[in-house]
N, C-alpha and C. Protein backbone atom coordinates (compact mmCIF):
# COMPACT_ATOMS: atom_id res chain seq x y z
N MET A 1 -20.82 6.79 17.44
CA MET A 1 -19.82 6.99 16.42
C MET A 1 -19.34 5.62 15.93
N GLN A 2 -19.28 5.47 14.61
CA GLN A 2 -18.80 4.24 14.02
C GLN A 2 -17.27 4.22 14.05
N ILE A 3 -16.72 3.10 14.48
CA ILE A 3 -15.28 2.94 14.54
C ILE A 3 -14.79 2.50 13.16
N THR A 4 -13.84 3.26 12.62
CA THR A 4 -13.22 2.92 11.34
C THR A 4 -11.71 2.91 11.52
N ILE A 5 -11.03 2.44 10.54
CA ILE A 5 -9.57 2.45 10.60
C ILE A 5 -9.05 3.88 10.69
N ASP A 6 -9.73 4.81 10.03
CA ASP A 6 -9.31 6.21 10.09
C ASP A 6 -9.53 6.82 11.47
N THR A 7 -10.65 6.49 12.13
CA THR A 7 -10.88 7.03 13.47
C THR A 7 -9.85 6.48 14.45
N LEU A 8 -9.49 5.20 14.29
CA LEU A 8 -8.47 4.62 15.17
C LEU A 8 -7.10 5.24 14.90
N SER A 9 -6.80 5.47 13.63
CA SER A 9 -5.54 6.10 13.27
C SER A 9 -5.45 7.50 13.86
N ASN A 10 -6.53 8.26 13.76
CA ASN A 10 -6.54 9.62 14.33
C ASN A 10 -6.38 9.59 15.84
N LEU A 11 -7.07 8.67 16.51
CA LEU A 11 -6.93 8.56 17.96
C LEU A 11 -5.50 8.17 18.32
N GLU A 12 -4.94 7.26 17.55
CA GLU A 12 -3.57 6.84 17.80
C GLU A 12 -2.61 8.02 17.69
N LEU A 13 -2.80 8.84 16.69
CA LEU A 13 -1.93 10.01 16.53
C LEU A 13 -2.10 11.00 17.68
N GLU A 14 -3.33 11.18 18.15
CA GLU A 14 -3.57 12.06 19.31
C GLU A 14 -2.83 11.55 20.54
N LEU A 15 -2.92 10.26 20.79
CA LEU A 15 -2.25 9.68 21.96
C LEU A 15 -0.73 9.81 21.83
N TYR A 16 -0.22 9.54 20.64
CA TYR A 16 1.21 9.65 20.39
C TYR A 16 1.68 11.10 20.57
N GLU A 17 0.94 12.04 20.00
CA GLU A 17 1.32 13.45 20.11
C GLU A 17 1.33 13.91 21.56
N TYR A 18 0.37 13.41 22.35
CA TYR A 18 0.37 13.76 23.76
C TYR A 18 1.64 13.21 24.43
N ALA A 19 1.96 11.95 24.17
CA ALA A 19 3.16 11.35 24.76
C ALA A 19 4.42 12.12 24.34
N GLU A 20 4.47 12.52 23.09
CA GLU A 20 5.62 13.27 22.58
C GLU A 20 5.74 14.66 23.20
N SER A 21 4.62 15.23 23.62
CA SER A 21 4.62 16.60 24.14
C SER A 21 5.14 16.70 25.57
N LEU A 22 5.27 15.58 26.25
CA LEU A 22 5.67 15.59 27.65
C LEU A 22 7.15 15.90 27.81
N ASN A 23 7.46 16.51 28.94
CA ASN A 23 8.83 16.82 29.29
C ASN A 23 9.20 16.03 30.53
N GLY A 24 10.47 16.03 30.84
CA GLY A 24 10.94 15.36 32.05
C GLY A 24 11.62 14.05 31.74
N ASN A 25 12.09 13.40 32.81
CA ASN A 25 12.77 12.13 32.61
C ASN A 25 11.76 11.02 32.33
N MET A 26 12.28 9.85 32.03
CA MET A 26 11.42 8.74 31.62
C MET A 26 10.39 8.38 32.70
N ASP A 27 10.82 8.33 33.95
CA ASP A 27 9.90 7.98 35.03
C ASP A 27 8.78 9.01 35.17
N HIS A 28 9.16 10.27 35.07
CA HIS A 28 8.16 11.35 35.18
C HIS A 28 7.15 11.26 34.03
N ARG A 29 7.64 11.02 32.83
CA ARG A 29 6.75 10.91 31.67
C ARG A 29 5.81 9.71 31.82
N ASP A 30 6.37 8.57 32.24
CA ASP A 30 5.54 7.38 32.46
C ASP A 30 4.43 7.66 33.48
N LYS A 31 4.80 8.35 34.54
CA LYS A 31 3.82 8.67 35.59
C LYS A 31 2.70 9.55 35.01
N GLN A 32 3.07 10.55 34.21
CA GLN A 32 2.07 11.43 33.60
C GLN A 32 1.15 10.64 32.66
N LEU A 33 1.73 9.76 31.86
CA LEU A 33 0.93 8.96 30.92
C LEU A 33 -0.02 8.04 31.67
N GLN A 34 0.46 7.49 32.78
CA GLN A 34 -0.40 6.62 33.60
C GLN A 34 -1.54 7.44 34.21
N GLU A 35 -1.21 8.58 34.81
CA GLU A 35 -2.22 9.41 35.46
C GLU A 35 -3.26 9.94 34.47
N GLU A 36 -2.85 10.25 33.26
CA GLU A 36 -3.77 10.77 32.24
C GLU A 36 -4.56 9.67 31.53
N GLY A 37 -4.26 8.42 31.86
CA GLY A 37 -4.99 7.30 31.27
C GLY A 37 -4.58 6.97 29.84
N ILE A 38 -3.43 7.47 29.41
CA ILE A 38 -2.99 7.24 28.03
C ILE A 38 -2.69 5.76 27.80
N PHE A 39 -2.05 5.10 28.75
CA PHE A 39 -1.76 3.67 28.59
C PHE A 39 -3.05 2.87 28.45
N ASP A 40 -4.04 3.20 29.27
CA ASP A 40 -5.34 2.51 29.17
C ASP A 40 -6.02 2.79 27.83
N GLN A 41 -5.94 4.04 27.39
CA GLN A 41 -6.54 4.38 26.10
C GLN A 41 -5.86 3.64 24.96
N TYR A 42 -4.55 3.50 25.04
CA TYR A 42 -3.83 2.78 23.98
C TYR A 42 -4.18 1.30 24.00
N ARG A 43 -4.31 0.74 25.21
CA ARG A 43 -4.71 -0.66 25.35
C ARG A 43 -6.08 -0.87 24.71
N ASN A 44 -7.00 0.06 24.96
CA ASN A 44 -8.34 -0.02 24.37
C ASN A 44 -8.28 0.15 22.85
N LEU A 45 -7.43 1.04 22.38
CA LEU A 45 -7.27 1.25 20.94
C LEU A 45 -6.76 -0.03 20.27
N HIS A 46 -5.80 -0.68 20.88
CA HIS A 46 -5.24 -1.95 20.38
C HIS A 46 -6.36 -2.98 20.26
N LYS A 47 -7.18 -3.08 21.27
CA LYS A 47 -8.33 -4.01 21.25
C LYS A 47 -9.33 -3.59 20.18
N SER A 48 -9.52 -2.30 20.00
CA SER A 48 -10.44 -1.81 18.97
C SER A 48 -9.97 -2.18 17.57
N TYR A 49 -8.66 -2.16 17.36
CA TYR A 49 -8.12 -2.61 16.07
C TYR A 49 -8.50 -4.08 15.84
N LEU A 50 -8.35 -4.91 16.87
CA LEU A 50 -8.70 -6.32 16.72
C LEU A 50 -10.19 -6.48 16.45
N ASP A 51 -11.03 -5.77 17.20
CA ASP A 51 -12.47 -5.84 16.97
C ASP A 51 -12.83 -5.41 15.56
N LEU A 52 -12.19 -4.35 15.08
CA LEU A 52 -12.44 -3.87 13.73
C LEU A 52 -12.01 -4.93 12.71
N PHE A 53 -10.87 -5.56 12.94
CA PHE A 53 -10.42 -6.63 12.05
C PHE A 53 -11.47 -7.74 11.98
N LEU A 54 -11.94 -8.16 13.13
CA LEU A 54 -12.89 -9.28 13.19
C LEU A 54 -14.22 -8.95 12.51
N ASN A 55 -14.55 -7.67 12.42
CA ASN A 55 -15.82 -7.26 11.80
C ASN A 55 -15.67 -6.75 10.37
N ALA A 56 -14.44 -6.57 9.93
CA ALA A 56 -14.21 -6.04 8.58
C ALA A 56 -14.52 -7.10 7.53
N LYS A 57 -15.01 -6.66 6.40
CA LYS A 57 -15.33 -7.56 5.29
C LYS A 57 -14.27 -7.49 4.20
N ASP A 58 -13.70 -6.31 4.01
CA ASP A 58 -12.76 -6.07 2.94
C ASP A 58 -11.38 -6.63 3.31
N GLU A 59 -10.82 -7.47 2.46
CA GLU A 59 -9.54 -8.13 2.75
C GLU A 59 -8.38 -7.14 2.82
N GLU A 60 -8.41 -6.11 2.00
CA GLU A 60 -7.34 -5.11 2.03
C GLU A 60 -7.34 -4.36 3.36
N THR A 61 -8.52 -4.03 3.84
CA THR A 61 -8.65 -3.36 5.14
C THR A 61 -8.19 -4.28 6.26
N LYS A 62 -8.57 -5.52 6.19
CA LYS A 62 -8.17 -6.49 7.23
C LYS A 62 -6.64 -6.61 7.27
N LEU A 63 -6.00 -6.66 6.12
CA LEU A 63 -4.55 -6.77 6.08
C LEU A 63 -3.90 -5.54 6.70
N GLU A 64 -4.42 -4.36 6.39
CA GLU A 64 -3.89 -3.13 6.97
C GLU A 64 -4.05 -3.12 8.49
N ILE A 65 -5.18 -3.53 8.96
CA ILE A 65 -5.42 -3.57 10.41
C ILE A 65 -4.45 -4.56 11.06
N LEU A 66 -4.26 -5.71 10.44
CA LEU A 66 -3.34 -6.71 10.99
C LEU A 66 -1.92 -6.17 11.04
N LYS A 67 -1.51 -5.44 10.02
CA LYS A 67 -0.18 -4.82 10.04
C LYS A 67 -0.03 -3.91 11.26
N ARG A 68 -1.06 -3.14 11.54
CA ARG A 68 -1.00 -2.22 12.67
C ARG A 68 -0.98 -2.97 14.00
N LEU A 69 -1.78 -4.01 14.11
CA LEU A 69 -1.78 -4.81 15.34
C LEU A 69 -0.40 -5.41 15.60
N ILE A 70 0.19 -6.00 14.59
CA ILE A 70 1.49 -6.64 14.76
C ILE A 70 2.56 -5.60 15.07
N PHE A 71 2.48 -4.45 14.41
CA PHE A 71 3.42 -3.38 14.74
C PHE A 71 3.30 -3.00 16.21
N LEU A 72 2.08 -2.77 16.68
CA LEU A 72 1.88 -2.36 18.07
C LEU A 72 2.36 -3.43 19.04
N ASN A 73 2.13 -4.70 18.71
CA ASN A 73 2.63 -5.79 19.56
C ASN A 73 4.14 -5.67 19.71
N TRP A 74 4.82 -5.44 18.58
CA TRP A 74 6.28 -5.36 18.56
C TRP A 74 6.76 -4.08 19.24
N TYR A 75 6.17 -2.96 18.86
CA TYR A 75 6.62 -1.65 19.34
C TYR A 75 6.48 -1.53 20.86
N ALA A 76 5.44 -2.11 21.41
CA ALA A 76 5.23 -2.07 22.86
C ALA A 76 6.37 -2.76 23.60
N GLN A 77 7.03 -3.69 22.94
CA GLN A 77 8.12 -4.44 23.57
C GLN A 77 9.50 -3.79 23.37
N VAL A 78 9.67 -3.04 22.29
CA VAL A 78 11.02 -2.57 21.97
C VAL A 78 11.25 -1.09 22.25
N GLU A 79 10.21 -0.31 22.40
CA GLU A 79 10.39 1.12 22.65
C GLU A 79 9.86 1.48 24.04
N PRO A 80 10.53 2.40 24.72
CA PRO A 80 10.06 2.81 26.05
C PRO A 80 8.66 3.42 25.98
N SER A 81 7.82 3.00 26.89
CA SER A 81 6.43 3.46 26.92
C SER A 81 6.31 4.96 27.11
N CYS A 82 7.30 5.57 27.74
CA CYS A 82 7.22 7.01 27.99
C CYS A 82 7.29 7.82 26.69
N TYR A 83 7.77 7.21 25.62
CA TYR A 83 7.84 7.90 24.33
C TYR A 83 6.71 7.51 23.38
N THR A 84 6.10 6.35 23.61
CA THR A 84 5.08 5.85 22.69
C THR A 84 3.66 5.97 23.23
N GLY A 85 3.52 5.96 24.55
CA GLY A 85 2.19 5.92 25.16
C GLY A 85 1.61 4.52 25.22
N ILE A 86 2.41 3.53 24.83
CA ILE A 86 1.96 2.14 24.79
C ILE A 86 2.61 1.37 25.93
N GLN A 87 1.77 0.73 26.75
CA GLN A 87 2.29 -0.06 27.86
C GLN A 87 1.31 -1.17 28.20
N ASP A 88 1.84 -2.34 28.50
CA ASP A 88 1.05 -3.46 28.98
C ASP A 88 -0.17 -3.76 28.11
N LEU A 89 0.07 -4.05 26.84
CA LEU A 89 -1.04 -4.45 25.98
C LEU A 89 -1.63 -5.76 26.49
N ASP A 90 -2.89 -5.98 26.21
CA ASP A 90 -3.59 -7.19 26.64
C ASP A 90 -2.99 -8.39 25.90
N ASN A 91 -2.42 -9.33 26.66
CA ASN A 91 -1.79 -10.50 26.05
C ASN A 91 -2.76 -11.34 25.24
N ALA A 92 -4.03 -11.35 25.60
CA ALA A 92 -5.02 -12.10 24.83
C ALA A 92 -5.19 -11.49 23.43
N VAL A 93 -5.17 -10.17 23.36
CA VAL A 93 -5.27 -9.48 22.07
C VAL A 93 -3.99 -9.71 21.26
N VAL A 94 -2.86 -9.63 21.92
CA VAL A 94 -1.59 -9.88 21.24
C VAL A 94 -1.59 -11.30 20.66
N PHE A 95 -1.95 -12.28 21.48
CA PHE A 95 -1.94 -13.67 21.00
C PHE A 95 -2.94 -13.87 19.86
N GLU A 96 -4.12 -13.30 19.98
CA GLU A 96 -5.11 -13.47 18.92
C GLU A 96 -4.62 -12.86 17.60
N SER A 97 -3.98 -11.70 17.69
CA SER A 97 -3.46 -11.09 16.46
C SER A 97 -2.34 -11.95 15.86
N TYR A 98 -1.50 -12.54 16.70
CA TYR A 98 -0.46 -13.44 16.19
C TYR A 98 -1.09 -14.72 15.62
N SER A 99 -2.18 -15.18 16.21
CA SER A 99 -2.88 -16.37 15.67
C SER A 99 -3.42 -16.07 14.28
N ILE A 100 -3.97 -14.89 14.10
CA ILE A 100 -4.47 -14.48 12.79
C ILE A 100 -3.31 -14.39 11.80
N LEU A 101 -2.21 -13.80 12.24
CA LEU A 101 -1.04 -13.70 11.38
C LEU A 101 -0.55 -15.09 10.99
N ASN A 102 -0.56 -16.03 11.92
CA ASN A 102 -0.16 -17.40 11.62
C ASN A 102 -1.00 -17.97 10.47
N GLU A 103 -2.31 -17.74 10.52
CA GLU A 103 -3.20 -18.20 9.44
C GLU A 103 -2.91 -17.48 8.13
N TYR A 104 -2.61 -16.20 8.21
CA TYR A 104 -2.25 -15.44 7.01
C TYR A 104 -0.98 -16.02 6.38
N LEU A 105 -0.02 -16.39 7.20
CA LEU A 105 1.22 -16.98 6.67
C LEU A 105 0.93 -18.34 6.03
N ILE A 106 0.13 -19.15 6.67
CA ILE A 106 -0.22 -20.46 6.13
C ILE A 106 -0.91 -20.31 4.77
N ASN A 107 -1.80 -19.34 4.68
CA ASN A 107 -2.60 -19.15 3.46
C ASN A 107 -2.00 -18.15 2.48
N HIS A 108 -0.76 -17.72 2.73
CA HIS A 108 -0.05 -16.80 1.84
C HIS A 108 -0.85 -15.53 1.57
N LYS A 109 -1.37 -14.93 2.64
CA LYS A 109 -2.21 -13.74 2.51
C LYS A 109 -1.48 -12.45 2.89
N THR A 110 -0.18 -12.55 3.15
CA THR A 110 0.58 -11.33 3.42
C THR A 110 1.06 -10.76 2.10
N ASP A 111 1.30 -9.46 2.08
CA ASP A 111 1.85 -8.83 0.87
C ASP A 111 3.34 -8.57 1.09
N GLN A 112 3.98 -8.01 0.07
CA GLN A 112 5.42 -7.76 0.15
C GLN A 112 5.77 -6.81 1.30
N GLU A 113 4.96 -5.77 1.47
CA GLU A 113 5.22 -4.81 2.54
C GLU A 113 5.17 -5.50 3.91
N PHE A 114 4.14 -6.28 4.14
CA PHE A 114 4.00 -6.95 5.43
C PHE A 114 5.13 -7.95 5.65
N THR A 115 5.57 -8.60 4.60
CA THR A 115 6.65 -9.58 4.72
C THR A 115 7.94 -8.92 5.19
N TRP A 116 8.31 -7.77 4.58
CA TRP A 116 9.54 -7.14 5.06
C TRP A 116 9.37 -6.53 6.45
N MET A 117 8.16 -6.05 6.75
CA MET A 117 7.92 -5.55 8.10
C MET A 117 8.11 -6.68 9.12
N LEU A 118 7.49 -7.80 8.84
CA LEU A 118 7.58 -8.93 9.76
C LEU A 118 9.01 -9.46 9.86
N SER A 119 9.73 -9.45 8.76
CA SER A 119 11.14 -9.86 8.80
C SER A 119 11.93 -8.94 9.73
N TYR A 120 11.65 -7.66 9.63
CA TYR A 120 12.31 -6.66 10.48
C TYR A 120 11.97 -6.93 11.95
N TYR A 121 10.69 -7.10 12.25
CA TYR A 121 10.27 -7.34 13.64
C TYR A 121 10.88 -8.63 14.18
N SER A 122 11.10 -9.60 13.30
CA SER A 122 11.62 -10.89 13.72
C SER A 122 13.04 -10.80 14.27
N GLY A 123 13.73 -9.71 13.97
CA GLY A 123 15.05 -9.49 14.55
C GLY A 123 14.99 -9.37 16.07
N TRP A 124 13.85 -9.05 16.57
CA TRP A 124 13.59 -8.99 18.01
C TRP A 124 12.67 -10.17 18.33
N ASP A 125 13.18 -11.36 18.12
CA ASP A 125 12.35 -12.56 18.23
C ASP A 125 11.70 -12.71 19.61
N PHE A 126 12.28 -12.11 20.63
CA PHE A 126 11.70 -12.17 21.98
C PHE A 126 10.33 -11.50 22.06
N THR A 127 10.00 -10.70 21.05
CA THR A 127 8.69 -10.04 21.05
C THR A 127 7.60 -10.94 20.48
N ILE A 128 7.98 -11.96 19.73
CA ILE A 128 7.00 -12.81 19.05
C ILE A 128 7.03 -14.24 19.57
N LEU A 129 8.21 -14.83 19.71
CA LEU A 129 8.31 -16.25 20.05
C LEU A 129 7.61 -16.66 21.34
N PRO A 130 7.60 -15.85 22.39
CA PRO A 130 6.86 -16.28 23.58
C PRO A 130 5.37 -16.54 23.31
N PHE A 131 4.84 -15.89 22.29
CA PHE A 131 3.43 -16.08 21.93
C PHE A 131 3.25 -17.20 20.91
N SER A 132 4.27 -17.45 20.10
CA SER A 132 4.08 -18.35 18.96
C SER A 132 4.63 -19.76 19.14
N GLU A 133 5.67 -19.92 19.93
CA GLU A 133 6.40 -21.19 19.93
C GLU A 133 5.58 -22.42 20.29
N LEU A 134 4.60 -22.31 21.11
CA LEU A 134 3.87 -23.51 21.52
C LEU A 134 2.76 -23.93 20.56
N SER A 135 2.26 -22.99 19.75
CA SER A 135 1.10 -23.38 18.94
C SER A 135 0.98 -22.73 17.57
N LEU A 136 1.81 -21.76 17.28
CA LEU A 136 1.69 -21.05 16.01
C LEU A 136 2.91 -21.38 15.15
N ASP A 137 2.85 -22.53 14.53
CA ASP A 137 4.02 -23.09 13.84
C ASP A 137 4.49 -22.25 12.67
N ALA A 138 3.59 -21.76 11.85
CA ALA A 138 4.00 -20.98 10.67
C ALA A 138 4.69 -19.68 11.08
N LEU A 139 4.15 -19.02 12.08
CA LEU A 139 4.76 -17.78 12.57
C LEU A 139 6.12 -18.06 13.21
N THR A 140 6.19 -19.10 14.01
CA THR A 140 7.45 -19.46 14.65
C THR A 140 8.51 -19.76 13.59
N LYS A 141 8.13 -20.51 12.58
CA LYS A 141 9.06 -20.85 11.50
C LYS A 141 9.53 -19.58 10.78
N PHE A 142 8.59 -18.68 10.49
CA PHE A 142 8.96 -17.43 9.82
C PHE A 142 9.98 -16.65 10.65
N VAL A 143 9.70 -16.50 11.93
CA VAL A 143 10.58 -15.71 12.81
C VAL A 143 11.96 -16.36 12.91
N LYS A 144 11.99 -17.66 13.07
CA LYS A 144 13.28 -18.34 13.23
C LYS A 144 14.08 -18.38 11.94
N GLU A 145 13.41 -18.35 10.80
CA GLU A 145 14.12 -18.41 9.52
C GLU A 145 14.42 -17.04 8.92
N ALA A 146 13.90 -15.99 9.53
CA ALA A 146 14.17 -14.64 9.03
C ALA A 146 15.66 -14.35 9.15
N ASP A 147 16.19 -13.60 8.21
CA ASP A 147 17.60 -13.23 8.22
C ASP A 147 17.82 -12.15 9.27
N HIS A 148 18.47 -12.53 10.36
CA HIS A 148 18.70 -11.60 11.47
C HIS A 148 20.06 -10.92 11.39
N THR A 149 20.81 -11.21 10.35
CA THR A 149 22.14 -10.61 10.25
C THR A 149 22.06 -9.15 9.84
N VAL A 150 20.96 -8.76 9.20
CA VAL A 150 20.81 -7.38 8.76
C VAL A 150 19.49 -6.86 9.32
N LEU A 151 19.59 -5.93 10.23
CA LEU A 151 18.39 -5.30 10.77
C LEU A 151 18.24 -3.94 10.10
N ALA A 152 17.69 -3.96 8.93
CA ALA A 152 17.51 -2.71 8.20
C ALA A 152 16.19 -2.74 7.47
N SER A 153 15.58 -1.60 7.37
CA SER A 153 14.35 -1.49 6.60
C SER A 153 14.73 -1.07 5.18
N PRO A 154 13.86 -1.33 4.23
CA PRO A 154 14.17 -0.92 2.86
C PRO A 154 14.12 0.60 2.73
N ILE A 155 15.23 1.19 2.37
CA ILE A 155 15.34 2.65 2.26
C ILE A 155 14.74 3.13 0.94
N LYS A 156 13.91 4.16 1.04
CA LYS A 156 13.28 4.79 -0.13
C LYS A 156 12.60 3.77 -1.04
N HIS A 157 11.94 2.82 -0.41
CA HIS A 157 11.30 1.70 -1.10
C HIS A 157 9.86 2.01 -1.53
N LEU A 158 9.21 2.89 -0.79
CA LEU A 158 7.79 3.18 -1.02
C LEU A 158 7.59 4.59 -1.56
N PRO A 159 6.54 4.80 -2.32
CA PRO A 159 6.24 6.16 -2.78
C PRO A 159 5.96 7.10 -1.60
N LYS A 160 6.34 8.36 -1.76
CA LYS A 160 6.09 9.38 -0.74
C LYS A 160 4.60 9.38 -0.38
N GLY A 161 4.31 9.40 0.90
CA GLY A 161 2.93 9.42 1.38
C GLY A 161 2.36 8.05 1.68
N SER A 162 3.09 6.99 1.37
CA SER A 162 2.59 5.63 1.60
C SER A 162 2.32 5.34 3.07
N MET A 163 3.03 6.00 3.95
CA MET A 163 2.88 5.73 5.38
C MET A 163 2.02 6.79 6.09
N ASN A 164 1.46 7.72 5.33
CA ASN A 164 0.58 8.72 5.94
C ASN A 164 -0.68 8.07 6.49
N ASN A 165 -1.18 8.61 7.59
CA ASN A 165 -2.44 8.17 8.19
C ASN A 165 -2.44 6.69 8.55
N ARG A 166 -1.30 6.22 9.03
CA ARG A 166 -1.20 4.80 9.40
C ARG A 166 -0.77 4.65 10.86
N GLY A 167 -1.15 5.64 11.69
CA GLY A 167 -0.85 5.57 13.12
C GLY A 167 0.64 5.61 13.40
N GLN A 168 1.00 5.08 14.56
CA GLN A 168 2.42 5.08 14.93
C GLN A 168 3.24 4.22 13.99
N MET A 169 2.62 3.21 13.39
CA MET A 169 3.34 2.39 12.43
C MET A 169 3.87 3.27 11.30
N GLY A 170 3.03 4.14 10.78
CA GLY A 170 3.45 5.04 9.71
C GLY A 170 4.54 5.99 10.16
N ILE A 171 4.38 6.57 11.34
CA ILE A 171 5.39 7.48 11.88
C ILE A 171 6.73 6.76 12.01
N TYR A 172 6.69 5.56 12.53
CA TYR A 172 7.93 4.80 12.72
C TYR A 172 8.62 4.54 11.38
N TRP A 173 7.86 4.03 10.43
CA TRP A 173 8.47 3.67 9.15
C TRP A 173 8.94 4.90 8.37
N ILE A 174 8.25 6.01 8.50
CA ILE A 174 8.75 7.24 7.88
C ILE A 174 10.10 7.61 8.50
N SER A 175 10.23 7.46 9.81
CA SER A 175 11.50 7.78 10.47
C SER A 175 12.63 6.85 10.03
N CYS A 176 12.27 5.70 9.49
CA CYS A 176 13.27 4.74 8.97
C CYS A 176 13.57 4.99 7.49
N SER A 177 12.98 6.05 6.93
CA SER A 177 13.23 6.45 5.54
C SER A 177 12.80 5.42 4.50
N VAL A 178 11.65 4.78 4.72
CA VAL A 178 11.18 3.80 3.74
C VAL A 178 10.51 4.46 2.54
N GLU A 179 10.18 5.75 2.65
CA GLU A 179 9.54 6.45 1.55
C GLU A 179 10.57 7.23 0.73
N GLU A 180 10.24 7.38 -0.55
CA GLU A 180 11.07 8.20 -1.43
C GLU A 180 10.98 9.65 -0.97
N ASP A 181 12.01 10.42 -1.28
CA ASP A 181 12.01 11.86 -0.92
C ASP A 181 11.02 12.63 -1.76
């Protein structure tokens, strides 16, 4: 089977839906996710996004994949794993995706959507700076200069359906009301 952004998105939604379907307290849910291999599957999915990025030719597809990688890097740090199915992502994959993002920032290859997403994530600088401060100057500068006084996403900023089929990133941003009604 050929790995595409759509196959990864579908797998991501399956893993998320499984995590969402669990009952019990946080520890019980974490134990179930561990026993069912969901954390391992998510770690592999994260790596698959990076592999797909490295093999993609289309710049628009690469940008979308990078958005998802950076979201997952951030989300794994700020949300409890028992609700997301994401735990202990491979630090090498996280760093490589941040290295790519650093190059995108240097070369002005991010779009408006990615810029506000990254500004939002930068409010939780502890999720990015440990990876960027020693060698990724453009990313470090972006995170440190982002306006942290307002942690809000743009409300009703995108057309309805803009976040469909975009994995947990899409689910998250829909829950933040970034799409028009």
